[in-house]
Amino acid sequence: MLVKRMDIENRGLDQGFFDAICSNYLDRHPVLNTLGIQTLYMGQGITGIRICPGPEYSSAGNRVHGGIIATIIDVAMSRASLTVTGRLCRTVDIHLTYMAPAMEDIELIAEARVVHAGQTLVAVEGTVVNQTGRLILKSTGTFIIDKTYPPVWEVETER
C-alpha cells in the first residue's frame, strides 16, 4: 500500500518536509500497512492517524486487543516527534491509561502532540478516541532521537 500524499492533510509543515515524510518515510514501515494504519494529518509537533480494527485484532467480547491500541498511539507519538526533529524517534518510555474498551469494526483515531523536544529526548502526549469521540486511551511517552538513522529532513531548531 503506497501512501497517497493527497489523502494526508498538511497542517503547516514546510511543504518539502511534508513531501519528504510522505515519500521517504511512511512506506518504509511494513507493520503500518499490515495493520491498516492510515495517516490523517501532520503538522509541527502534531499528528493524527486512524485504524479500523477488524475481528482479527480482537480479544474476547469483540474488544480490540490493548496491544493494537498501544501500537497506534505509539506510532502517532513517534510521528509527532518526527515532525519536530526531522529524524526517526524511538520509544524509550510509554505510559498508557485505558479509559474505555474499543470495539472491533469501529474506527479509532490516535492524536499526538509534542510537549517538549530537547537535543536527545522528546516528550509527547496523546489520546485515542473512537469514531463517536469516546475517549479510549490517554498516554504520555518519551522518545529518543535516532541519530544513527539518516535524517528525513534537516530541521532548524532552537532546542
Protein backbone atom coordinates (compact mmCIF):
# COMPACT_ATOMS: atom_id res chain seq x y z
CA MET A 1 0.00 0.00 0.00
CA LEU A 2 1.68 3.20 -1.12
CA VAL A 3 0.91 6.34 0.83
CA LYS A 4 -1.15 8.82 -1.14
CA ARG A 5 0.03 12.28 -0.19
CA MET A 6 -3.29 13.84 -1.21
CA ASP A 7 -5.05 11.81 1.49
CA ILE A 8 -2.90 13.32 4.25
CA GLU A 9 -3.60 16.85 5.44
CA ASN A 10 -0.59 19.11 5.85
CA ARG A 11 -1.26 21.27 8.90
CA GLY A 12 1.54 23.77 8.50
CA LEU A 13 4.70 21.76 7.86
CA ASP A 14 7.18 23.07 5.32
CA GLN A 15 5.92 21.50 2.06
CA GLY A 16 9.34 19.98 1.31
CA PHE A 17 9.46 18.38 4.76
CA PHE A 18 5.89 17.11 4.39
CA ASP A 19 6.70 15.63 0.98
CA ALA A 20 9.89 14.01 2.33
CA ILE A 21 7.95 12.34 5.14
CA CYS A 22 5.27 11.12 2.74
CA SER A 23 7.62 9.78 0.08
CA ASN A 24 10.68 8.65 2.07
CA TYR A 25 9.30 7.53 5.40
CA LEU A 26 5.68 6.40 5.60
CA ASP A 27 6.01 3.49 3.16
CA ARG A 28 9.07 2.08 4.97
CA HIS A 29 7.12 0.64 7.89
CA PRO A 30 5.51 -2.65 6.83
CA VAL A 31 3.74 -3.03 10.19
CA LEU A 32 1.68 0.09 9.46
CA ASN A 33 0.50 -1.36 6.17
CA THR A 34 -0.19 -4.76 7.74
CA LEU A 35 -2.36 -3.19 10.45
CA GLY A 36 -4.03 -0.77 8.02
CA ILE A 37 -2.87 2.33 9.92
CA GLN A 38 -3.52 5.49 7.90
CA THR A 39 -2.14 8.96 8.47
CA LEU A 40 -4.82 11.65 8.61
CA TYR A 41 -2.69 14.75 9.18
CA MET A 42 0.72 16.02 10.21
CA GLY A 43 1.77 19.42 11.48
CA GLN A 44 4.53 20.92 13.60
CA GLY A 45 4.60 18.61 16.63
CA ILE A 46 1.21 17.02 15.92
CA THR A 47 -0.11 14.05 14.05
CA GLY A 48 -3.33 12.13 13.65
CA ILE A 49 -3.71 8.55 12.45
CA ARG A 50 -6.59 6.11 12.17
CA ILE A 51 -7.31 2.41 12.07
CA CYS A 52 -10.49 0.40 11.79
CA PRO A 53 -9.53 -2.84 13.55
CA GLY A 54 -11.49 -5.89 12.50
CA PRO A 55 -12.08 -9.15 14.34
CA GLU A 56 -8.53 -10.33 13.64
CA TYR A 57 -7.33 -7.70 16.15
CA SER A 58 -9.87 -8.52 18.84
CA SER A 59 -9.87 -10.43 22.08
CA ALA A 60 -12.87 -11.95 23.87
CA GLY A 61 -16.10 -10.00 23.64
CA ASN A 62 -15.27 -8.28 20.33
CA ARG A 63 -12.92 -5.87 22.11
CA VAL A 64 -9.85 -4.64 20.28
CA HIS A 65 -6.71 -6.04 21.90
CA GLY A 66 -4.95 -3.46 24.06
CA GLY A 67 -1.67 -4.06 22.23
CA ILE A 68 -3.22 -2.80 18.98
CA ILE A 69 -4.39 0.36 20.73
CA ALA A 70 -0.93 0.78 22.28
CA THR A 71 0.65 0.38 18.85
CA ILE A 72 -1.42 3.12 17.21
CA ILE A 73 -0.70 5.68 19.92
CA ASP A 74 2.98 4.74 19.85
CA VAL A 75 3.04 5.33 16.09
CA ALA A 76 1.22 8.66 16.45
CA MET A 77 3.56 9.92 19.20
CA SER A 78 6.67 8.84 17.30
CA ARG A 79 5.38 10.55 14.16
CA ALA A 80 4.64 13.77 16.08
CA SER A 81 8.26 13.65 17.31
CA LEU A 82 9.50 13.26 13.74
CA THR A 83 7.65 16.42 12.67
CA VAL A 84 9.69 18.42 15.19
CA THR A 85 13.10 16.73 14.92
CA GLY A 86 13.25 15.68 11.27
CA ARG A 87 14.51 12.29 12.48
CA LEU A 88 13.10 8.96 13.43
CA CYS A 89 12.35 8.83 17.13
CA ARG A 90 12.32 5.57 19.08
CA THR A 91 10.20 4.81 22.12
CA VAL A 92 12.07 4.99 25.43
CA ASP A 93 9.07 5.01 27.75
CA ILE A 94 5.33 4.97 27.23
CA HIS A 95 2.56 5.26 29.80
CA LEU A 96 -0.93 4.16 28.80
CA THR A 97 -4.20 4.67 30.65
CA TYR A 98 -7.08 2.75 29.11
CA MET A 99 -10.32 4.64 29.72
CA ALA A 100 -12.88 2.53 27.83
CA PRO A 101 -12.95 -0.56 25.64
CA ALA A 102 -12.53 -0.24 21.89
CA MET A 103 -14.83 -2.48 19.89
CA GLU A 104 -13.94 -4.19 16.63
CA ASP A 105 -15.02 -2.61 13.33
CA ILE A 106 -15.26 0.83 15.00
CA GLU A 107 -12.74 3.38 13.73
CA LEU A 108 -10.11 4.57 16.18
CA ILE A 109 -8.30 7.89 15.85
CA ALA A 110 -4.98 8.48 17.62
CA GLU A 111 -3.74 12.05 18.02
CA ALA A 112 -0.41 13.09 19.48
CA ARG A 113 1.25 16.36 20.43
CA VAL A 114 4.86 17.12 21.31
CA VAL A 115 5.12 18.71 24.75
CA HIS A 116 8.88 19.28 24.72
CA ALA A 117 11.71 18.49 22.32
CA GLY A 118 15.29 18.52 23.60
CA GLN A 119 18.61 17.62 22.00
CA THR A 120 18.16 13.91 22.71
CA LEU A 121 14.66 13.24 24.06
CA VAL A 122 11.15 14.26 23.03
CA ALA A 123 8.16 14.26 25.43
CA VAL A 124 4.80 13.59 23.81
CA GLU A 125 1.19 13.14 24.92
CA GLY A 126 -1.64 11.51 23.06
CA THR A 127 -5.18 10.22 23.01
CA VAL A 128 -7.15 7.57 21.20
CA VAL A 129 -10.87 8.11 20.61
CA ASN A 130 -13.43 6.09 18.71
CA GLN A 131 -15.48 7.42 15.79
CA THR A 132 -18.10 8.86 18.16
CA GLY A 133 -15.44 10.75 20.12
CA ARG A 134 -15.42 8.45 23.16
CA LEU A 135 -12.05 8.55 24.92
CA ILE A 136 -10.43 5.11 24.75
CA LEU A 137 -6.88 5.87 25.91
CA LYS A 138 -4.67 8.66 27.25
CA SER A 139 -0.91 8.41 27.02
CA THR A 140 2.43 10.06 27.56
CA GLY A 141 5.73 8.98 26.14
CA THR A 142 9.40 9.76 25.90
CA PHE A 143 11.18 9.22 22.59
CA ILE A 144 14.88 9.27 21.78
CA ILE A 145 16.03 10.95 18.60
CA ASP A 146 17.69 8.24 16.49
CA LYS A 147 20.88 9.90 15.28
CA THR A 148 22.15 6.66 13.72
CA TYR A 149 19.41 6.73 11.08
CA PRO A 150 19.72 9.36 8.31
CA PRO A 151 17.52 12.42 8.87
CA VAL A 152 14.28 12.62 6.94
CA TRP A 153 14.72 16.41 6.87
CA GLU A 154 17.14 18.91 8.36
CA VAL A 155 15.06 20.83 10.86
CA GLU A 156 16.35 24.11 12.26
CA THR A 157 15.63 24.17 15.97
CA GLU A 158 16.24 26.34 18.96
CA ARG A 159 16.49 23.43 21.40
